[in-house]
Protein backbone atom coordinates (compact mmCIF):
# COMPACT_ATOMS: atom_id res chain seq x y z
CA MET A 1 0.00 0.00 0.00
CA SER A 2 1.53 3.31 -1.07
CA GLU A 3 1.66 6.30 1.24
CA HIS A 4 -0.06 9.54 0.37
CA ILE A 5 1.07 13.13 0.85
CA GLN A 6 -0.86 16.41 0.90
CA ILE A 7 -0.29 18.93 -1.87
CA GLU A 8 -2.26 22.01 -2.89
CA ILE A 9 -3.73 22.55 -6.35
CA ASP A 10 -5.68 25.74 -7.08
CA GLY A 11 -6.02 26.41 -3.36
CA GLU A 12 -7.47 22.97 -2.57
CA GLN A 13 -5.74 20.34 -0.44
CA VAL A 14 -5.29 17.11 -2.40
CA SER A 15 -4.07 13.70 -1.33
CA ALA A 16 -1.50 12.43 -3.85
CA PRO A 17 0.46 9.18 -3.95
CA GLN A 18 3.98 9.63 -2.63
CA GLY A 19 6.60 9.31 -5.36
CA THR A 20 6.55 10.61 -8.90
CA ALA A 21 3.75 12.13 -10.96
CA THR A 22 3.50 13.91 -14.28
CA GLY A 23 1.94 17.33 -14.79
CA LYS A 24 -0.99 15.57 -16.46
CA ASP A 25 -1.39 13.27 -13.42
CA LEU A 26 -1.56 16.25 -11.06
CA LYS A 27 -4.19 18.07 -13.12
CA ALA A 28 -6.24 14.86 -13.26
CA LEU A 29 -6.43 14.74 -9.43
CA LEU A 30 -8.96 17.60 -9.58
CA GLY A 31 -10.08 17.25 -13.18
CA ARG A 32 -8.34 20.47 -14.21
CA GLU A 33 -7.31 21.66 -17.64
CA GLY A 34 -4.93 24.42 -18.64
CA ARG A 35 -1.27 24.88 -17.90
CA LEU A 36 0.13 23.67 -14.57
CA HIS A 37 2.42 25.98 -12.59
CA HIS A 38 4.53 24.84 -9.62
CA LEU A 39 4.70 27.58 -6.97
CA ARG A 40 8.01 27.97 -5.18
CA GLY A 41 7.96 31.15 -3.10
CA GLU A 42 7.42 34.00 -5.57
CA GLU A 43 8.56 31.85 -8.50
CA ARG A 44 6.17 30.05 -10.88
CA ILE A 45 7.57 27.13 -12.85
CA ILE A 46 5.52 25.88 -15.79
CA ILE A 47 5.11 22.10 -15.65
CA GLU A 48 4.31 20.51 -19.02
CA ASP A 49 2.00 17.48 -19.05
CA ASP A 50 4.82 14.99 -19.70
CA VAL A 51 7.25 16.35 -17.07
CA VAL A 52 7.82 13.92 -14.18
CA LEU A 53 8.05 15.42 -10.69
CA GLU A 54 9.24 13.87 -7.44
CA LEU A 55 6.46 14.95 -5.07
CA GLU A 56 7.05 16.16 -1.55
CA GLY A 57 4.31 17.04 0.91
CA GLY A 58 3.14 20.64 1.10
CA GLU A 59 3.97 21.58 -2.50
CA ARG A 60 1.68 24.11 -4.20
CA PHE A 61 0.43 24.15 -7.79
CA VAL A 62 -2.03 26.24 -9.79
CA THR A 63 -3.62 25.68 -13.16
CA VAL A 64 -3.81 28.59 -15.57
CA THR A 65 -6.64 28.69 -18.04
CA GLU A 66 -5.49 30.26 -21.28
CA ILE A 67 -8.03 31.60 -23.70
CA VAL A 68 -6.39 32.77 -26.92
CA GLU A 69 -8.31 34.74 -29.49
CA VAL A 70 -7.13 35.79 -32.93
CA ASP A 71 -8.26 39.00 -34.59
CA GLU A 72 -10.17 37.89 -37.69
CA VAL A 73 -9.22 41.02 -39.66
CA ASP A 74 -5.44 40.78 -39.51
CA ASN A 75 -4.98 37.28 -38.00
CA ARG A 76 -2.88 38.63 -35.11
CA ARG A 77 -3.05 37.34 -31.59
CA VAL A 78 -5.12 39.55 -29.30
CA HIS A 79 -3.28 40.83 -26.23
CA GLU A 80 -3.71 38.54 -23.23
CA ILE A 81 -4.06 39.68 -19.64
CA THR A 82 -3.64 37.76 -16.40
CA PHE A 83 -5.70 38.36 -13.29
CA TYR A 84 -6.03 36.37 -10.06
CA VAL A 85 -8.96 34.73 -8.28
CA ASP A 86 -8.18 33.30 -4.84
CA GLY A 87 -4.52 33.29 -5.92
CA ILE A 88 -5.28 31.33 -9.10
CA ALA A 89 -3.84 32.96 -12.21
CA VAL A 90 -6.32 33.31 -15.07
CA THR A 91 -5.07 34.36 -18.51
CA THR A 92 -7.59 35.61 -21.04
CA CYS A 93 -8.06 37.87 -24.03
CA GLU A 94 -11.53 38.82 -22.85
CA ARG A 95 -11.70 42.28 -21.28
CA GLU A 96 -15.27 42.25 -20.06
CA LEU A 97 -16.49 39.28 -18.06
CA THR A 98 -19.42 38.55 -15.78
CA ALA A 99 -18.68 37.51 -12.23
CA ALA A 100 -20.07 34.07 -13.09
CA ARG A 101 -17.59 33.73 -15.98
CA ILE A 102 -14.67 34.87 -13.80
CA LYS A 103 -15.49 32.15 -11.24
CA ASP A 104 -15.84 29.58 -14.02
CA LEU A 105 -12.45 30.44 -15.55
CA ALA A 106 -10.82 30.11 -12.12
CA HIS A 107 -12.62 26.82 -11.31
CA ARG A 108 -14.28 28.34 -8.24
CA PRO A 109 -17.70 27.19 -6.96
CA ALA A 110 -20.54 28.89 -8.85
CA GLY A 111 -22.42 29.54 -5.59
CA ASN A 112 -19.58 31.55 -4.07
CA ILE A 113 -19.73 35.34 -3.99
CA LEU A 114 -17.07 37.16 -6.04
CA TYR A 115 -15.32 40.22 -4.63
CA LYS A 116 -12.93 42.61 -6.37
CA VAL A 117 -10.00 43.41 -4.08
CA ASP A 118 -9.22 47.13 -4.14
CA GLY A 119 -6.45 47.87 -1.67
CA ARG A 120 -7.87 46.85 1.68
CA GLU A 121 -11.47 46.99 0.45
CA ARG A 122 -13.57 44.22 -1.08
CA VAL A 123 -16.33 45.12 -3.51
CA GLU A 124 -19.02 42.47 -4.10
CA ILE A 125 -19.84 41.69 -7.74
CA ALA A 126 -23.17 40.09 -8.67
CA ASP A 127 -23.00 37.01 -10.93
CA ASN A 128 -24.59 38.79 -13.90
CA GLU A 129 -22.62 42.03 -13.43
CA VAL A 130 -20.06 42.72 -16.16
CA VAL A 131 -16.58 43.72 -15.00
CA ARG A 132 -13.77 45.16 -17.10
CA VAL A 133 -10.72 43.18 -15.95
CA HIS A 134 -7.17 44.55 -15.85
CA GLU A 135 -3.69 43.03 -15.75
CA ASN A 136 -2.80 41.61 -12.29
CA GLU A 137 -6.20 42.53 -10.85
CA LYS A 138 -7.19 40.48 -7.80
CA PHE A 139 -10.50 38.89 -6.90
CA ILE A 140 -11.51 36.57 -4.07
CA THR A 141 -14.49 34.28 -3.60
CA GLN A 142 -16.33 33.37 -0.44
CA PRO A 143 -19.23 31.01 0.26
CA PRO A 144 -22.49 32.83 1.02
CA VAL A 145 -23.10 33.35 4.73
CA GLY A 146 -24.72 30.30 6.27
CA ARG A 147 -23.80 27.92 3.41
CA ALA A 148 -20.72 25.94 2.55
CA SER A 149 -19.32 26.15 -1.01
């Protein structure tokens, strides 16, 4: 019987078999898609699906959803921006998103409330409200009062 260790993926604690795992294996633990990043302090290391890692307990990973759009007129790539939801990096070409779409892109529970973090203030955003997102902007989610997510 193999031992298990605790790692974190997209802010969630996950039990993983001790030993080696590929990037694809780690994303499969939570059914995630996108690009896997290994967090080491302030550094983010991209882990390709076929890269084999020797897992240690307490390691942190995030998946980054990349949405790439191409301008149909001149076939150039549209500028991408990255923003963060509960510490999860989301990369997109879309500038205006509903709160529901932001939570979906970050793989957060649909029932959670989305807040824009502005300095020390949090501003609640309704699910159908459209927000213009900016580079490195930060959002957090929280279960509604009295309910678990």
